[in-house]
N, C-alpha and C. Protein backbone atom coordinates (compact mmCIF):
# COMPACT_ATOMS: atom_id res chain seq x y z
N UNK A 1 127.22 56.60 -67.20
CA UNK A 1 127.08 56.87 -68.62
C UNK A 1 127.67 58.46 -69.06
N UNK A 2 127.03 59.19 -68.05
CA UNK A 2 128.10 60.52 -68.35
C UNK A 2 129.05 60.46 -68.02
N UNK A 3 129.71 59.69 -67.15
CA UNK A 3 131.21 59.63 -66.56
C UNK A 3 131.80 58.92 -67.35
N UNK A 4 131.39 57.69 -68.46
CA UNK A 4 132.37 57.16 -69.50
C UNK A 4 132.08 58.01 -70.85
N UNK A 5 130.82 58.98 -70.71
CA UNK A 5 131.24 60.10 -71.96
C UNK A 5 132.05 60.94 -71.41
N UNK A 6 132.51 61.18 -70.48
CA UNK A 6 133.12 62.53 -69.96
C UNK A 6 134.38 61.81 -69.91
N UNK A 7 135.08 60.93 -70.22
CA UNK A 7 136.72 60.57 -70.47
C UNK A 7 136.54 60.76 -71.84
N UNK A 8 136.14 60.24 -72.79
CA UNK A 8 136.30 60.95 -74.10
C UNK A 8 135.62 62.41 -74.44
N UNK A 9 135.50 62.95 -73.48
CA UNK A 9 135.42 64.90 -73.21
C UNK A 9 134.39 64.91 -74.06
N UNK A 10 133.36 64.17 -74.33
CA UNK A 10 132.11 64.88 -74.71
C UNK A 10 130.86 65.32 -73.14
N UNK A 11 130.73 67.03 -73.45
CA UNK A 11 130.16 67.48 -72.31
C UNK A 11 128.76 67.70 -73.15
N UNK A 12 128.16 67.03 -74.02
CA UNK A 12 126.99 67.26 -73.74
C UNK A 12 125.66 66.74 -73.41
N UNK A 13 124.50 67.45 -73.26
CA UNK A 13 123.98 66.11 -72.58
C UNK A 13 122.71 64.98 -73.12
N UNK A 14 123.08 64.01 -73.03
CA UNK A 14 122.98 62.64 -73.61
C UNK A 14 121.40 62.03 -73.01
N UNK A 15 120.98 61.77 -73.81
CA UNK A 15 119.07 60.85 -73.49
C UNK A 15 119.71 59.90 -73.75
N UNK A 16 119.65 58.60 -72.53
CA UNK A 16 119.89 57.68 -73.53
C UNK A 16 118.67 56.60 -73.20
N UNK A 17 118.69 55.99 -74.21
CA UNK A 17 117.49 54.98 -75.13
C UNK A 17 118.49 53.20 -74.52
N UNK A 18 117.81 52.69 -73.38
CA UNK A 18 118.46 50.89 -73.41
C UNK A 18 117.17 50.29 -74.36
N UNK A 19 118.30 49.32 -75.05
CA UNK A 19 117.90 48.41 -75.65
C UNK A 19 118.46 46.46 -74.98
N UNK A 20 116.91 46.24 -74.43
CA UNK A 20 117.54 44.79 -74.03
C UNK A 20 117.20 43.20 -75.10
N UNK A 21 117.60 42.64 -75.45
CA UNK A 21 117.47 41.20 -75.69
C UNK A 21 118.74 40.32 -75.34
N UNK A 22 117.80 39.18 -75.50
CA UNK A 22 118.30 37.97 -75.30
C UNK A 22 119.54 37.79 -76.29
N UNK A 23 120.32 36.64 -75.42
CA UNK A 23 120.92 36.24 -76.84
C UNK A 23 120.58 35.71 -77.83
N UNK A 24 119.20 34.81 -77.74
CA UNK A 24 118.83 34.44 -78.99
C UNK A 24 118.40 35.69 -80.15
N UNK A 25 117.73 36.40 -79.50
CA UNK A 25 116.95 37.74 -80.06
C UNK A 25 118.28 38.57 -81.10
N UNK A 26 119.30 38.90 -80.24
CA UNK A 26 120.36 39.33 -80.55
C UNK A 26 121.06 38.50 -81.74
N UNK A 27 121.12 37.50 -81.73
CA UNK A 27 121.91 36.95 -83.26
C UNK A 27 120.69 36.71 -84.57
N UNK A 28 119.52 36.54 -83.60
CA UNK A 28 118.51 36.52 -84.95
C UNK A 28 118.64 37.89 -85.96
N UNK A 29 118.29 39.17 -84.71
CA UNK A 29 117.99 40.18 -85.51
C UNK A 29 119.44 40.15 -85.57
N UNK A 30 120.90 40.06 -85.71
CA UNK A 30 121.92 40.25 -86.28
C UNK A 30 121.95 39.50 -87.76
N UNK A 31 121.41 38.03 -87.45
CA UNK A 31 121.11 37.40 -88.64
C UNK A 31 120.76 38.47 -89.80
N UNK A 32 119.50 38.70 -89.47
CA UNK A 32 118.48 39.72 -90.06
C UNK A 32 118.93 40.70 -91.18
N UNK A 33 120.14 41.56 -90.49
CA UNK A 33 120.57 42.16 -91.01
C UNK A 33 120.45 43.35 -90.82
N UNK A 34 120.04 43.61 -88.92
CA UNK A 34 119.40 44.42 -88.54
C UNK A 34 120.78 45.59 -88.47
N UNK A 35 120.36 46.84 -88.85
CA UNK A 35 121.48 47.73 -89.19
C UNK A 35 121.57 48.50 -87.82
N UNK A 36 120.70 48.32 -86.61
CA UNK A 36 120.97 49.17 -85.28
C UNK A 36 122.08 48.17 -84.71
N UNK A 37 121.53 47.42 -84.90
CA UNK A 37 122.54 46.29 -83.69
C UNK A 37 124.02 45.93 -84.70
N UNK A 38 123.96 45.76 -85.79
CA UNK A 38 125.35 45.95 -86.53
C UNK A 38 126.01 47.09 -85.92
N UNK A 39 125.70 48.57 -85.91
CA UNK A 39 126.32 49.66 -85.94
C UNK A 39 126.89 49.75 -83.95
N UNK A 40 125.88 49.02 -83.25
CA UNK A 40 126.47 48.22 -82.08
C UNK A 40 127.41 47.55 -81.91
N UNK A 41 127.48 46.64 -82.58
CA UNK A 41 128.54 45.61 -82.85
C UNK A 41 130.21 46.72 -82.96
N UNK A 42 130.05 47.66 -82.87
CA UNK A 42 131.30 47.97 -83.67
C UNK A 42 131.65 48.85 -82.12
N UNK A 43 130.38 49.60 -81.48
CA UNK A 43 130.88 50.14 -80.36
C UNK A 43 131.87 49.65 -79.04
N UNK A 44 131.24 49.86 -78.00
CA UNK A 44 131.75 49.49 -76.59
C UNK A 44 130.72 49.22 -75.57
N UNK A 45 130.98 47.99 -75.53
CA UNK A 45 130.11 47.24 -73.80
C UNK A 45 130.41 47.90 -72.82
N UNK A 46 129.44 48.73 -72.14
CA UNK A 46 129.24 49.23 -71.31
C UNK A 46 128.79 48.36 -69.91
N UNK A 47 128.28 48.00 -70.32
CA UNK A 47 128.04 46.64 -68.95
C UNK A 47 127.52 45.57 -69.98
N UNK A 48 127.72 43.92 -69.25
CA UNK A 48 127.20 43.10 -69.53
C UNK A 48 127.23 41.96 -68.30
N UNK A 49 125.80 41.37 -68.81
CA UNK A 49 125.27 40.95 -66.89
C UNK A 49 126.47 39.05 -67.29
N UNK A 50 126.78 38.84 -66.45
CA UNK A 50 127.35 36.90 -66.53
C UNK A 50 126.48 36.27 -65.83
């Protein structure tokens, strides 16, 4: 994560909090208007398991 942030010249310490959802949970929460997930939808995917 630090390497990713360094690309954007972000030099401040960052606490990382991971949220893991199944595809079904993710879609259900989006459908319910989860503001947190809406904000994430606008961001960058750092890791996606295939």
